[in-house]
Amino acid sequence: MERHYRLGWVDYVVIGITILISTAIGLKFQFSGKRKRTTREYLLAGKSMSIFPVVMSITATILSATTILGFPMETYRFGFKFVLMAIPFSFGTILAAVIFTPVYFNCGVSTTYEFLEIRFGKAT
């Protein structure tokens, strides 16, 4: 027996609100008058961010739709032991941000590759 899933009005409202919030955030920063002059300032926020938003950014970068959809499935399939992997992942992300972010800021680099070039030379 084949099932047909369709979006209901609640689904459309949630999608619409998500799009409106994203658009509002983009427009706010577009017209706020704070223009970043260089690509480096744009990508690194002038290196003025504290540790918390950096940790959140790294976590959001690592997580993906596959993780969000696959994690519950794997937990259902393999049980609670799969959930236990999330604990070291969380601590590892925070630890990496706390340890490496200050090092990158002090060296004046924005990527791991720039740091490795400074540390080990161009051959790296």
C-alpha atoms as a PDB file:
ATOM      1  CA  MET A   1       0.000   0.000   0.000  1.00  0.00           C
ATOM      2  CA  GLU A   2       1.490   3.285  -1.088  1.00  0.00           C
ATOM      3  CA  ARG A   3       1.330   6.325   1.161  1.00  0.00           C
ATOM      4  CA  HIS A   4       1.224   9.862  -0.130  1.00  0.00           C
ATOM      5  CA  TYR A   5       2.629  12.478   2.201  1.00  0.00           C
ATOM      6  CA  ARG A   6       1.617  16.063   1.677  1.00  0.00           C
ATOM      7  CA  LEU A   7       2.507  19.260   3.433  1.00  0.00           C
ATOM      8  CA  GLY A   8      -0.214  20.687   5.626  1.00  0.00           C
ATOM      9  CA  TRP A   9      -0.884  24.331   6.394  1.00  0.00           C
ATOM     10  CA  VAL A  10       1.282  24.148   9.542  1.00  0.00           C
ATOM     11  CA  ASP A  11       4.233  23.005   7.433  1.00  0.00           C
ATOM     12  CA  TYR A  12       3.790  25.932   5.065  1.00  0.00           C
ATOM     13  CA  VAL A  13       3.571  28.364   8.000  1.00  0.00           C
ATOM     14  CA  VAL A  14       6.823  27.015   9.494  1.00  0.00           C
ATOM     15  CA  ILE A  15       8.597  27.231   6.123  1.00  0.00           C
ATOM     16  CA  GLY A  16       7.276  30.764   5.582  1.00  0.00           C
ATOM     17  CA  ILE A  17       8.353  31.943   9.034  1.00  0.00           C
ATOM     18  CA  THR A  18      11.826  30.462   8.510  1.00  0.00           C
ATOM     19  CA  ILE A  19      12.216  32.271   5.188  1.00  0.00           C
ATOM     20  CA  LEU A  20      10.927  35.547   6.667  1.00  0.00           C
ATOM     21  CA  ILE A  21      13.328  35.379   9.623  1.00  0.00           C
ATOM     22  CA  SER A  22      16.290  34.637   7.350  1.00  0.00           C
ATOM     23  CA  THR A  23      15.319  37.485   5.028  1.00  0.00           C
ATOM     24  CA  ALA A  24      14.840  39.897   7.941  1.00  0.00           C
ATOM     25  CA  ILE A  25      18.283  39.078   9.350  1.00  0.00           C
ATOM     26  CA  GLY A  26      19.887  39.592   5.947  1.00  0.00           C
ATOM     27  CA  LEU A  27      18.104  42.905   5.359  1.00  0.00           C
ATOM     28  CA  LYS A  28      18.943  44.163   8.853  1.00  0.00           C
ATOM     29  CA  PHE A  29      22.646  43.656   8.304  1.00  0.00           C
ATOM     30  CA  GLN A  30      22.473  44.941   4.728  1.00  0.00           C
ATOM     31  CA  PHE A  31      21.048  48.288   5.787  1.00  0.00           C
ATOM     32  CA  SER A  32      22.549  48.627   9.271  1.00  0.00           C
ATOM     33  CA  GLY A  33      25.378  50.798   7.962  1.00  0.00           C
ATOM     34  CA  LYS A  34      28.128  48.498   9.196  1.00  0.00           C
ATOM     35  CA  ARG A  35      29.816  47.646   5.940  1.00  0.00           C
ATOM     36  CA  LYS A  36      32.846  45.401   5.955  1.00  0.00           C
ATOM     37  CA  ARG A  37      35.546  46.801   3.736  1.00  0.00           C
ATOM     38  CA  THR A  38      37.636  43.750   2.966  1.00  0.00           C
ATOM     39  CA  THR A  39      36.970  40.077   2.433  1.00  0.00           C
ATOM     40  CA  ARG A  40      39.064  39.261   5.492  1.00  0.00           C
ATOM     41  CA  GLU A  41      36.957  41.567   7.686  1.00  0.00           C
ATOM     42  CA  TYR A  42      33.788  40.074   6.223  1.00  0.00           C
ATOM     43  CA  LEU A  43      34.819  36.450   6.754  1.00  0.00           C
ATOM     44  CA  LEU A  44      36.425  36.917  10.176  1.00  0.00           C
ATOM     45  CA  ALA A  45      34.175  39.669  11.597  1.00  0.00           C
ATOM     46  CA  GLY A  46      37.232  41.797  12.248  1.00  0.00           C
ATOM     47  CA  LYS A  47      38.399  39.091  14.700  1.00  0.00           C
ATOM     48  CA  SER A  48      36.105  40.619  17.296  1.00  0.00           C
ATOM     49  CA  MET A  49      33.974  37.564  18.112  1.00  0.00           C
ATOM     50  CA  SER A  50      34.152  35.895  21.497  1.00  0.00           C
ATOM     51  CA  ILE A  51      34.627  32.155  21.965  1.00  0.00           C
ATOM     52  CA  PHE A  52      30.908  31.277  22.231  1.00  0.00           C
ATOM     53  CA  PRO A  53      29.858  32.347  18.709  1.00  0.00           C
ATOM     54  CA  VAL A  54      33.003  30.727  17.308  1.00  0.00           C
ATOM     55  CA  VAL A  55      32.112  27.421  18.997  1.00  0.00           C
ATOM     56  CA  MET A  56      28.541  27.680  17.704  1.00  0.00           C
ATOM     57  CA  SER A  57      29.820  28.399  14.192  1.00  0.00           C
ATOM     58  CA  ILE A  58      32.162  25.408  14.236  1.00  0.00           C
ATOM     59  CA  THR A  59      29.380  23.171  15.537  1.00  0.00           C
ATOM     60  CA  ALA A  60      26.946  24.381  12.870  1.00  0.00           C
ATOM     61  CA  THR A  61      29.587  23.825  10.206  1.00  0.00           C
ATOM     62  CA  ILE A  62      30.216  20.259  11.320  1.00  0.00           C
ATOM     63  CA  LEU A  63      26.540  19.363  11.650  1.00  0.00           C
ATOM     64  CA  SER A  64      24.622  18.818   8.467  1.00  0.00           C
ATOM     65  CA  ALA A  65      21.222  17.639   7.342  1.00  0.00           C
ATOM     66  CA  THR A  66      22.657  14.150   7.029  1.00  0.00           C
ATOM     67  CA  THR A  67      23.745  14.243  10.669  1.00  0.00           C
ATOM     68  CA  ILE A  68      20.444  15.643  11.873  1.00  0.00           C
ATOM     69  CA  LEU A  69      18.417  13.078   9.938  1.00  0.00           C
ATOM     70  CA  GLY A  70      20.823  10.165  10.280  1.00  0.00           C
ATOM     71  CA  PHE A  71      21.569  10.425  13.985  1.00  0.00           C
ATOM     72  CA  PRO A  72      18.041   9.492  15.155  1.00  0.00           C
ATOM     73  CA  MET A  73      17.955   6.621  12.669  1.00  0.00           C
ATOM     74  CA  GLU A  74      21.286   5.257  13.875  1.00  0.00           C
ATOM     75  CA  THR A  75      20.157   5.637  17.487  1.00  0.00           C
ATOM     76  CA  TYR A  76      16.999   3.694  16.726  1.00  0.00           C
ATOM     77  CA  ARG A  77      18.966   1.022  14.900  1.00  0.00           C
ATOM     78  CA  PHE A  78      21.906   0.571  17.299  1.00  0.00           C
ATOM     79  CA  GLY A  79      20.451   1.832  20.569  1.00  0.00           C
ATOM     80  CA  PHE A  80      21.658   4.233  23.222  1.00  0.00           C
ATOM     81  CA  LYS A  81      25.335   3.426  22.714  1.00  0.00           C
ATOM     82  CA  PHE A  82      25.216   5.503  19.535  1.00  0.00           C
ATOM     83  CA  VAL A  83      23.988   8.520  21.535  1.00  0.00           C
ATOM     84  CA  LEU A  84      27.082   8.255  23.714  1.00  0.00           C
ATOM     85  CA  MET A  85      29.181   9.350  20.713  1.00  0.00           C
ATOM     86  CA  ALA A  86      27.582  12.803  20.907  1.00  0.00           C
ATOM     87  CA  ILE A  87      29.162  13.536  24.285  1.00  0.00           C
ATOM     88  CA  PRO A  88      32.827  13.378  23.188  1.00  0.00           C
ATOM     89  CA  PHE A  89      31.883  15.135  19.946  1.00  0.00           C
ATOM     90  CA  SER A  90      30.487  18.085  21.914  1.00  0.00           C
ATOM     91  CA  PHE A  91      33.499  18.308  24.204  1.00  0.00           C
ATOM     92  CA  GLY A  92      35.896  17.902  21.288  1.00  0.00           C
ATOM     93  CA  THR A  93      34.311  20.767  19.379  1.00  0.00           C
ATOM     94  CA  ILE A  94      34.463  23.093  22.378  1.00  0.00           C
ATOM     95  CA  LEU A  95      38.023  22.024  23.200  1.00  0.00           C
ATOM     96  CA  ALA A  96      39.190  22.564  19.617  1.00  0.00           C
ATOM     97  CA  ALA A  97      37.648  26.025  19.510  1.00  0.00           C
ATOM     98  CA  VAL A  98      39.094  27.048  22.878  1.00  0.00           C
ATOM     99  CA  ILE A  99      42.593  25.755  22.059  1.00  0.00           C
ATOM    100  CA  PHE A 100      43.007  26.610  18.382  1.00  0.00           C
ATOM    101  CA  THR A 101      41.081  29.876  18.018  1.00  0.00           C
ATOM    102  CA  PRO A 102      43.447  31.920  20.233  1.00  0.00           C
ATOM    103  CA  VAL A 103      46.456  30.407  18.440  1.00  0.00           C
ATOM    104  CA  TYR A 104      45.053  31.390  15.042  1.00  0.00           C
ATOM    105  CA  PHE A 105      44.208  34.897  16.251  1.00  0.00           C
ATOM    106  CA  ASN A 106      47.687  35.421  17.718  1.00  0.00           C
ATOM    107  CA  CYS A 107      49.359  34.201  14.518  1.00  0.00           C
ATOM    108  CA  GLY A 108      47.184  36.435  12.361  1.00  0.00           C
ATOM    109  CA  VAL A 109      45.880  33.569  10.232  1.00  0.00           C
ATOM    110  CA  SER A 110      42.358  32.651   9.294  1.00  0.00           C
ATOM    111  CA  THR A 111      42.704  29.019   8.217  1.00  0.00           C
ATOM    112  CA  THR A 112      44.498  25.899   9.350  1.00  0.00           C
ATOM    113  CA  TYR A 113      46.417  25.862   6.079  1.00  0.00           C
ATOM    114  CA  GLU A 114      47.850  29.340   6.702  1.00  0.00           C
ATOM    115  CA  PHE A 115      48.939  28.244  10.174  1.00  0.00           C
ATOM    116  CA  LEU A 116      50.621  25.101   8.818  1.00  0.00           C
ATOM    117  CA  GLU A 117      52.431  27.197   6.201  1.00  0.00           C
ATOM    118  CA  ILE A 118      53.785  29.508   8.900  1.00  0.00           C
ATOM    119  CA  ARG A 119      54.699  26.589  11.166  1.00  0.00           C
ATOM    120  CA  PHE A 120      56.275  24.214   8.634  1.00  0.00           C
ATOM    121  CA  GLY A 121      56.987  26.310   5.531  1.00  0.00           C
ATOM    122  CA  LYS A 122      55.540  26.495   2.035  1.00  0.00           C
ATOM    123  CA  ALA A 123      56.186  22.806   1.299  1.00  0.00           C
ATOM    124  CA  THR A 124      53.345  21.911   3.631  1.00  0.00           C
END
